[in-house]
C-alpha atoms as a PDB file:
ATOM      1  CA  MET A   1     -19.891 -18.562  19.962  1.00  0.00           C
ATOM      2  CA  ASP A   2     -20.307 -21.918  18.409  1.00  0.00           C
ATOM      3  CA  MET A   3     -20.989 -20.293  15.063  1.00  0.00           C
ATOM      4  CA  ILE A   4     -17.623 -18.442  15.301  1.00  0.00           C
ATOM      5  CA  TRP A   5     -15.583 -21.568  16.114  1.00  0.00           C
ATOM      6  CA  GLN A   6     -17.464 -23.565  13.388  1.00  0.00           C
ATOM      7  CA  GLY A   7     -16.773 -20.695  10.981  1.00  0.00           C
ATOM      8  CA  ILE A   8     -13.046 -20.696  11.814  1.00  0.00           C
ATOM      9  CA  HIS A   9     -12.911 -24.533  11.390  1.00  0.00           C
ATOM     10  CA  ASP A  10     -14.592 -24.319   8.018  1.00  0.00           C
ATOM     11  CA  ALA A  11     -12.459 -21.417   6.997  1.00  0.00           C
ATOM     12  CA  PHE A  12      -9.290 -23.428   7.485  1.00  0.00           C
ATOM     13  CA  SER A  13     -10.763 -26.264   5.549  1.00  0.00           C
ATOM     14  CA  LEU A  14     -11.605 -23.960   2.582  1.00  0.00           C
ATOM     15  CA  THR A  15      -8.084 -22.414   2.681  1.00  0.00           C
ATOM     16  CA  ILE A  16      -6.429 -25.875   2.736  1.00  0.00           C
ATOM     17  CA  GLN A  17      -8.667 -27.090  -0.087  1.00  0.00           C
ATOM     18  CA  ARG A  18      -7.718 -23.967  -2.101  1.00  0.00           C
ATOM     19  CA  ASP A  19     -11.270 -22.822  -2.672  1.00  0.00           C
ATOM     20  CA  PRO A  20     -11.294 -21.209  -6.237  1.00  0.00           C
ATOM     21  CA  ALA A  21     -13.108 -18.090  -5.100  1.00  0.00           C
ATOM     22  CA  ILE A  22     -10.576 -17.492  -2.309  1.00  0.00           C
ATOM     23  CA  VAL A  23      -7.583 -18.214  -4.532  1.00  0.00           C
ATOM     24  CA  LYS A  24      -8.781 -15.875  -7.349  1.00  0.00           C
ATOM     25  CA  ALA A  25      -9.511 -13.095  -4.908  1.00  0.00           C
ATOM     26  CA  ALA A  26      -6.113 -13.502  -3.230  1.00  0.00           C
ATOM     27  CA  ILE A  27      -4.213 -13.468  -6.537  1.00  0.00           C
ATOM     28  CA  LEU A  28      -6.000 -10.360  -7.765  1.00  0.00           C
ATOM     29  CA  THR A  29      -5.453  -8.568  -4.415  1.00  0.00           C
ATOM     30  CA  LEU A  30      -1.769  -9.155  -4.615  1.00  0.00           C
ATOM     31  CA  GLN A  31      -1.483  -8.196  -8.205  1.00  0.00           C
ATOM     32  CA  VAL A  32      -3.350  -4.962  -7.920  1.00  0.00           C
ATOM     33  CA  SER A  33      -1.775  -3.972  -4.540  1.00  0.00           C
ATOM     34  CA  LEU A  34       1.760  -4.817  -5.553  1.00  0.00           C
ATOM     35  CA  SER A  35       1.323  -2.889  -8.869  1.00  0.00           C
ATOM     36  CA  ALA A  36       0.084   0.162  -7.036  1.00  0.00           C
ATOM     37  CA  VAL A  37       2.754   0.204  -4.401  1.00  0.00           C
ATOM     38  CA  LEU A  38       5.572  -0.438  -6.837  1.00  0.00           C
ATOM     39  CA  LEU A  39       4.486   2.517  -8.966  1.00  0.00           C
ATOM     40  CA  ALA A  40       4.023   4.670  -5.868  1.00  0.00           C
ATOM     41  CA  THR A  41       7.448   3.709  -4.592  1.00  0.00           C
ATOM     42  CA  ALA A  42       9.060   4.621  -7.915  1.00  0.00           C
ATOM     43  CA  ILE A  43       7.636   8.095  -7.619  1.00  0.00           C
ATOM     44  CA  GLY A  44       7.195   8.692  -3.916  1.00  0.00           C
ATOM     45  CA  LEU A  45      10.701   7.396  -2.793  1.00  0.00           C
ATOM     46  CA  PRO A  46      12.996   9.739  -4.769  1.00  0.00           C
ATOM     47  CA  LEU A  47      10.565  12.608  -4.441  1.00  0.00           C
ATOM     48  CA  GLY A  48      10.317  12.147  -0.648  1.00  0.00           C
ATOM     49  CA  ALA A  49      14.093  11.869  -0.463  1.00  0.00           C
ATOM     50  CA  ILE A  50      14.565  15.121  -2.374  1.00  0.00           C
ATOM     51  CA  VAL A  51      12.057  17.086  -0.364  1.00  0.00           C
ATOM     52  CA  GLY A  52      13.464  15.650   2.818  1.00  0.00           C
ATOM     53  CA  ASN A  53      16.988  16.713   1.980  1.00  0.00           C
ATOM     54  CA  LYS A  54      16.328  20.123   0.414  1.00  0.00           C
ATOM     55  CA  ASN A  55      15.025  23.440   1.778  1.00  0.00           C
ATOM     56  CA  PHE A  56      13.149  25.480  -0.678  1.00  0.00           C
ATOM     57  CA  TRP A  57      10.173  27.772  -0.977  1.00  0.00           C
ATOM     58  CA  GLY A  58       6.928  25.766  -0.929  1.00  0.00           C
ATOM     59  CA  ARG A  59       8.506  22.772   0.779  1.00  0.00           C
ATOM     60  CA  ASN A  60       6.128  22.921   3.732  1.00  0.00           C
ATOM     61  CA  ILE A  61       3.112  23.160   1.491  1.00  0.00           C
ATOM     62  CA  ILE A  62       4.148  20.010  -0.358  1.00  0.00           C
ATOM     63  CA  VAL A  63       4.739  18.167   2.955  1.00  0.00           C
ATOM     64  CA  ILE A  64       1.427  19.224   4.325  1.00  0.00           C
ATOM     65  CA  PHE A  65      -0.394  18.234   1.149  1.00  0.00           C
ATOM     66  CA  PHE A  66       0.986  14.733   1.179  1.00  0.00           C
ATOM     67  CA  ARG A  67       0.542  14.255   4.904  1.00  0.00           C
ATOM     68  CA  THR A  68      -3.041  15.274   4.565  1.00  0.00           C
ATOM     69  CA  GLY A  69      -3.337  12.608   1.801  1.00  0.00           C
ATOM     70  CA  MET A  70      -2.191   9.921   4.314  1.00  0.00           C
ATOM     71  CA  GLY A  71      -5.514  10.234   6.132  1.00  0.00           C
ATOM     72  CA  ILE A  72      -7.809  10.798   3.218  1.00  0.00           C
ATOM     73  CA  PRO A  73     -10.843   8.405   3.280  1.00  0.00           C
ATOM     74  CA  THR A  74     -10.665   5.592   0.721  1.00  0.00           C
ATOM     75  CA  VAL A  75     -14.277   6.248  -0.398  1.00  0.00           C
ATOM     76  CA  PHE A  76     -13.256   9.786  -1.332  1.00  0.00           C
ATOM     77  CA  VAL A  77     -10.361   8.496  -3.488  1.00  0.00           C
ATOM     78  CA  GLY A  78     -12.865   6.055  -4.985  1.00  0.00           C
ATOM     79  CA  LEU A  79     -15.210   8.863  -5.793  1.00  0.00           C
ATOM     80  CA  ILE A  80     -12.496  10.918  -7.465  1.00  0.00           C
ATOM     81  CA  CYS A  81     -11.469   7.930  -9.602  1.00  0.00           C
ATOM     82  CA  PHE A  82     -15.024   7.050 -10.428  1.00  0.00           C
ATOM     83  CA  ALA A  83     -15.533  10.690 -11.660  1.00  0.00           C
ATOM     84  CA  MET A  84     -12.370  10.363 -13.803  1.00  0.00           C
ATOM     85  CA  PHE A  85     -13.116   6.908 -15.200  1.00  0.00           C
ATOM     86  CA  SER A  86     -16.853   7.203 -15.876  1.00  0.00           C
ATOM     87  CA  ARG A  87     -18.187   7.712 -19.413  1.00  0.00           C
ATOM     88  CA  GLN A  88     -18.681  11.411 -18.774  1.00  0.00           C
ATOM     89  CA  GLY A  89     -15.217  11.728 -17.099  1.00  0.00           C
ATOM     90  CA  PRO A  90     -12.021  12.899 -18.746  1.00  0.00           C
ATOM     91  CA  LEU A  91     -10.622   9.393 -18.908  1.00  0.00           C
ATOM     92  CA  GLY A  92     -13.860   7.671 -19.840  1.00  0.00           C
ATOM     93  CA  GLN A  93     -12.739   6.817 -23.373  1.00  0.00           C
ATOM     94  CA  PHE A  94     -10.183   4.357 -21.895  1.00  0.00           C
ATOM     95  CA  GLN A  95     -12.968   2.292 -20.416  1.00  0.00           C
ATOM     96  CA  LEU A  96     -11.035   1.712 -17.104  1.00  0.00           C
ATOM     97  CA  LEU A  97     -14.077   1.723 -14.819  1.00  0.00           C
ATOM     98  CA  TYR A  98     -14.809  -1.684 -13.234  1.00  0.00           C
ATOM     99  CA  SER A  99     -11.418  -3.035 -14.129  1.00  0.00           C
ATOM    100  CA  PRO A 100      -8.351  -4.203 -12.135  1.00  0.00           C
ATOM    101  CA  GLN A 101      -6.444  -1.299 -13.536  1.00  0.00           C
ATOM    102  CA  ALA A 102      -8.862   1.236 -12.132  1.00  0.00           C
ATOM    103  CA  ILE A 103      -8.338  -0.303  -8.645  1.00  0.00           C
ATOM    104  CA  ALA A 104      -4.672  -0.237  -9.086  1.00  0.00           C
ATOM    105  CA  ILE A 105      -4.767   3.491  -9.976  1.00  0.00           C
ATOM    106  CA  GLY A 106      -6.994   4.222  -7.016  1.00  0.00           C
ATOM    107  CA  GLU A 107      -4.672   2.351  -4.639  1.00  0.00           C
ATOM    108  CA  PHE A 108      -1.690   4.148  -6.145  1.00  0.00           C
ATOM    109  CA  LEU A 109      -3.191   7.392  -5.081  1.00  0.00           C
ATOM    110  CA  LEU A 110      -3.704   5.891  -1.656  1.00  0.00           C
ATOM    111  CA  ALA A 111      -0.185   4.575  -1.395  1.00  0.00           C
ATOM    112  CA  LEU A 112       1.798   7.614  -2.809  1.00  0.00           C
ATOM    113  CA  PRO A 113       1.171  10.012   0.173  1.00  0.00           C
ATOM    114  CA  ILE A 114       2.273   7.325   2.662  1.00  0.00           C
ATOM    115  CA  ILE A 115       5.497   6.468   0.988  1.00  0.00           C
ATOM    116  CA  PHE A 116       6.346  10.108   0.206  1.00  0.00           C
ATOM    117  CA  SER A 117       5.650  11.243   3.754  1.00  0.00           C
ATOM    118  CA  MET A 118       7.409   8.426   5.564  1.00  0.00           C
ATOM    119  CA  THR A 119      10.402   8.710   3.292  1.00  0.00           C
ATOM    120  CA  GLN A 120      10.548  12.463   3.629  1.00  0.00           C
ATOM    121  CA  GLY A 121      10.279  12.303   7.421  1.00  0.00           C
ATOM    122  CA  ALA A 122      13.084   9.529   7.609  1.00  0.00           C
ATOM    123  CA  VAL A 123      15.464  11.472   5.333  1.00  0.00           C
ATOM    124  CA  SER A 124      14.863  14.895   7.100  1.00  0.00           C
ATOM    125  CA  SER A 125      15.662  13.269  10.457  1.00  0.00           C
ATOM    126  CA  LEU A 126      19.115  12.017   9.291  1.00  0.00           C
ATOM    127  CA  ASP A 127      22.179  13.686  10.552  1.00  0.00           C
ATOM    128  CA  ARG A 128      23.160  16.515   8.089  1.00  0.00           C
ATOM    129  CA  ARG A 129      26.664  15.112   8.018  1.00  0.00           C
ATOM    130  CA  VAL A 130      25.452  12.147   5.972  1.00  0.00           C
ATOM    131  CA  ALA A 131      24.679  14.338   3.049  1.00  0.00           C
ATOM    132  CA  ASP A 132      27.706  16.452   3.554  1.00  0.00           C
ATOM    133  CA  THR A 133      29.999  13.488   3.663  1.00  0.00           C
ATOM    134  CA  ALA A 134      28.562  12.019   0.489  1.00  0.00           C
ATOM    135  CA  GLN A 135      29.053  15.303  -1.313  1.00  0.00           C
ATOM    136  CA  ALA A 136      32.583  15.612  -0.020  1.00  0.00           C
ATOM    137  CA  LEU A 137      33.398  12.207  -1.293  1.00  0.00           C
ATOM    138  CA  GLY A 138      32.342  13.302  -4.741  1.00  0.00           C
ATOM    139  CA  ALA A 139      28.942  11.717  -4.995  1.00  0.00           C
ATOM    140  CA  GLY A 140      26.745  12.931  -7.738  1.00  0.00           C
ATOM    141  CA  PRO A 141      23.085  13.863  -7.174  1.00  0.00           C
ATOM    142  CA  ILE A 142      21.734  10.380  -7.743  1.00  0.00           C
ATOM    143  CA  ARG A 143      24.500   8.657  -5.702  1.00  0.00           C
ATOM    144  CA  LYS A 144      23.779  11.189  -2.913  1.00  0.00           C
ATOM    145  CA  LEU A 145      20.109  10.374  -3.100  1.00  0.00           C
ATOM    146  CA  VAL A 146      20.842   6.644  -2.932  1.00  0.00           C
ATOM    147  CA  THR A 147      23.024   7.157   0.126  1.00  0.00           C
ATOM    148  CA  LEU A 148      20.259   9.111   1.955  1.00  0.00           C
ATOM    149  CA  ILE A 149      17.688   6.490   1.162  1.00  0.00           C
ATOM    150  CA  SER A 150      20.036   3.776   2.280  1.00  0.00           C
ATOM    151  CA  GLU A 151      20.727   5.507   5.635  1.00  0.00           C
ATOM    152  CA  ALA A 152      17.010   5.982   6.149  1.00  0.00           C
ATOM    153  CA  ARG A 153      16.046   2.511   4.915  1.00  0.00           C
ATOM    154  CA  ILE A 154      14.083   1.488   8.079  1.00  0.00           C
ATOM    155  CA  GLY A 155      11.693   4.388   7.787  1.00  0.00           C
ATOM    156  CA  VAL A 156      11.530   3.880   3.976  1.00  0.00           C
ATOM    157  CA  VAL A 157      10.677   0.176   4.246  1.00  0.00           C
ATOM    158  CA  LEU A 158       8.101   1.001   7.014  1.00  0.00           C
ATOM    159  CA  GLY A 159       6.469   3.434   4.722  1.00  0.00           C
ATOM    160  CA  ILE A 160       6.378   0.940   1.827  1.00  0.00           C
ATOM    161  CA  PHE A 161       4.982  -1.780   3.974  1.00  0.00           C
ATOM    162  CA  THR A 162       2.418   0.474   5.570  1.00  0.00           C
ATOM    163  CA  ALA A 163       1.159   1.537   2.149  1.00  0.00           C
ATOM    164  CA  LEU A 164       1.033  -2.077   1.024  1.00  0.00           C
ATOM    165  CA  ALA A 165      -0.958  -3.081   4.115  1.00  0.00           C
ATOM    166  CA  ARG A 166      -3.389  -0.325   3.481  1.00  0.00           C
ATOM    167  CA  CYS A 167      -3.800  -1.291  -0.121  1.00  0.00           C
ATOM    168  CA  LEU A 168      -4.257  -5.044   0.645  1.00  0.00           C
ATOM    169  CA  THR A 169      -7.083  -4.265   3.005  1.00  0.00           C
ATOM    170  CA  GLU A 170      -8.681  -1.429   1.062  1.00  0.00           C
ATOM    171  CA  LEU A 171     -12.515  -1.713   0.452  1.00  0.00           C
ATOM    172  CA  GLY A 172     -13.874   1.682  -0.618  1.00  0.00           C
ATOM    173  CA  ILE A 173     -11.862   2.062  -3.868  1.00  0.00           C
ATOM    174  CA  ALA A 174     -12.219  -1.616  -4.819  1.00  0.00           C
ATOM    175  CA  VAL A 175     -15.988  -1.400  -4.566  1.00  0.00           C
ATOM    176  CA  MET A 176     -16.589   1.991  -6.271  1.00  0.00           C
ATOM    177  CA  VAL A 177     -14.265   1.658  -9.298  1.00  0.00           C
ATOM    178  CA  GLY A 178     -13.941  -2.146  -9.339  1.00  0.00           C
ATOM    179  CA  GLY A 179     -17.600  -3.072  -8.901  1.00  0.00           C
ATOM    180  CA  ASN A 180     -16.758  -6.354  -7.054  1.00  0.00           C
ATOM    181  CA  ILE A 181     -17.318  -8.362 -10.215  1.00  0.00           C
ATOM    182  CA  ALA A 182     -16.694 -12.091  -9.710  1.00  0.00           C
ATOM    183  CA  ASN A 183     -13.461 -13.438 -11.434  1.00  0.00           C
ATOM    184  CA  ARG A 184     -12.570  -9.956 -12.584  1.00  0.00           C
ATOM    185  CA  THR A 185     -12.306  -7.362  -9.866  1.00  0.00           C
ATOM    186  CA  ARG A 186     -13.271  -9.084  -6.628  1.00  0.00           C
ATOM    187  CA  THR A 187     -10.499  -8.634  -4.105  1.00  0.00           C
ATOM    188  CA  LEU A 188     -10.127 -10.273  -0.708  1.00  0.00           C
ATOM    189  CA  ALA A 189     -11.600  -7.230   1.060  1.00  0.00           C
ATOM    190  CA  THR A 190     -14.682  -6.932  -1.167  1.00  0.00           C
ATOM    191  CA  ALA A 191     -15.202 -10.623  -1.252  1.00  0.00           C
ATOM    192  CA  THR A 192     -14.971 -10.812   2.544  1.00  0.00           C
ATOM    193  CA  ALA A 193     -17.835  -8.210   2.828  1.00  0.00           C
ATOM    194  CA  LEU A 194     -19.942  -9.956   0.209  1.00  0.00           C
ATOM    195  CA  GLU A 195     -19.554 -13.482   1.489  1.00  0.00           C
ATOM    196  CA  THR A 196     -20.399 -12.401   5.067  1.00  0.00           C
ATOM    197  CA  SER A 197     -23.470 -10.499   3.950  1.00  0.00           C
ATOM    198  CA  ARG A 198     -24.559 -13.582   2.028  1.00  0.00           C
ATOM    199  CA  GLY A 199     -24.274 -15.687   5.183  1.00  0.00           C
ATOM    200  CA  GLU A 200     -21.216 -17.433   3.883  1.00  0.00           C
ATOM    201  CA  PHE A 201     -19.460 -16.883   7.248  1.00  0.00           C
ATOM    202  CA  ALA A 202     -16.695 -19.528   6.778  1.00  0.00           C
ATOM    203  CA  ARG A 203     -15.541 -18.222   3.401  1.00  0.00           C
ATOM    204  CA  GLY A 204     -15.544 -14.639   4.824  1.00  0.00           C
ATOM    205  CA  ILE A 205     -13.350 -15.772   7.759  1.00  0.00           C
ATOM    206  CA  ALA A 206     -11.056 -17.696   5.381  1.00  0.00           C
ATOM    207  CA  MET A 207     -10.455 -14.504   3.296  1.00  0.00           C
ATOM    208  CA  GLY A 208      -9.917 -12.433   6.505  1.00  0.00           C
ATOM    209  CA  ILE A 209      -7.399 -14.927   7.813  1.00  0.00           C
ATOM    210  CA  ILE A 210      -5.441 -14.633   4.477  1.00  0.00           C
ATOM    211  CA  LEU A 211      -5.395 -10.886   4.773  1.00  0.00           C
ATOM    212  CA  LEU A 212      -4.332 -11.147   8.409  1.00  0.00           C
ATOM    213  CA  SER A 213      -1.480 -13.577   7.463  1.00  0.00           C
ATOM    214  CA  MET A 214      -0.231 -11.227   4.759  1.00  0.00           C
ATOM    215  CA  SER A 215      -0.118  -8.332   7.223  1.00  0.00           C
ATOM    216  CA  LEU A 216       1.562 -10.533   9.865  1.00  0.00           C
ATOM    217  CA  SER A 217       4.195 -11.603   7.329  1.00  0.00           C
ATOM    218  CA  PHE A 218       5.081  -7.979   6.504  1.00  0.00           C
ATOM    219  CA  THR A 219       5.194  -7.034  10.153  1.00  0.00           C
ATOM    220  CA  LEU A 220       7.498  -9.896  11.043  1.00  0.00           C
ATOM    221  CA  PHE A 221       9.857  -9.011   8.113  1.00  0.00           C
ATOM    222  CA  LEU A 222       9.998  -5.418   9.214  1.00  0.00           C
ATOM    223  CA  ALA A 223      10.723  -6.573  12.834  1.00  0.00           C
ATOM    224  CA  ILE A 224      13.608  -8.752  11.659  1.00  0.00           C
ATOM    225  CA  LEU A 225      14.956  -5.799   9.497  1.00  0.00           C
ATOM    226  CA  THR A 226      14.723  -3.356  12.388  1.00  0.00           C
ATOM    227  CA  ARG A 227      16.461  -5.790  14.706  1.00  0.00           C
ATOM    228  CA  LYS A 228      19.254  -6.367  12.164  1.00  0.00           C
ATOM    229  CA  LYS A 229      19.700  -2.602  11.814  1.00  0.00           C
ATOM    230  CA  ASN A 230      19.849  -2.151  15.617  1.00  0.00           C
ATOM    231  CA  SER A 231      22.492  -4.930  15.821  1.00  0.00           C
ATOM    232  CA  GLU A 232      24.644  -3.191  13.248  1.00  0.00           C
ATOM    233  CA  VAL A 233      24.391   0.077  15.117  1.00  0.00           C
ATOM    234  CA  THR A 234      25.504  -1.491  18.496  1.00  0.00           C
ATOM    235  CA  ARG A 235      28.568  -3.115  16.952  1.00  0.00           C
END
């Protein structure tokens, strides 16, 4: 028990002193995860809203495909990416393996099903009159889509933050296609595992605390947003 408390104490000291290894890992984690989630949002958000609002042949197949992707193991995504980026792979010529870009692509594949599925679910649960009213007021396809996303914004934001939280704490993809290379591809998750295995318990806890703080910040923001939405509804 003393080791744990001492580790926590040392971890806060390292964090306050801005330990270079921790700072670099934190910056890379944010850069890679935000890039992946932004790209996944740009694709998954409109696609999820369209599928959530339209009935067409094959719709259920698409929904099932993406919902299955929500629970896919990260090591499997890492395996697919490794096969694609290795020298013998179809994208080997781009030399993406063991680079931040490879991690971002892998995390994009992780985030896309989450954002699509939660957006699709939020839009499909809206009152049908929302779409009908927008169309009756002369809204074009894009404006109508924006209206639907706006009305389902709580579910949409929840999906984006869920995807971001999973990317921030992701380990399998970062290890397999990033290689956990110091000052290049070492994220907070991979660095935490490495430092703990080395016996650097304090540094591992410090990185874990940063990850926890990021997750807590997103959760608080979402709680505030939800509370604001509920206040608007009750007025």
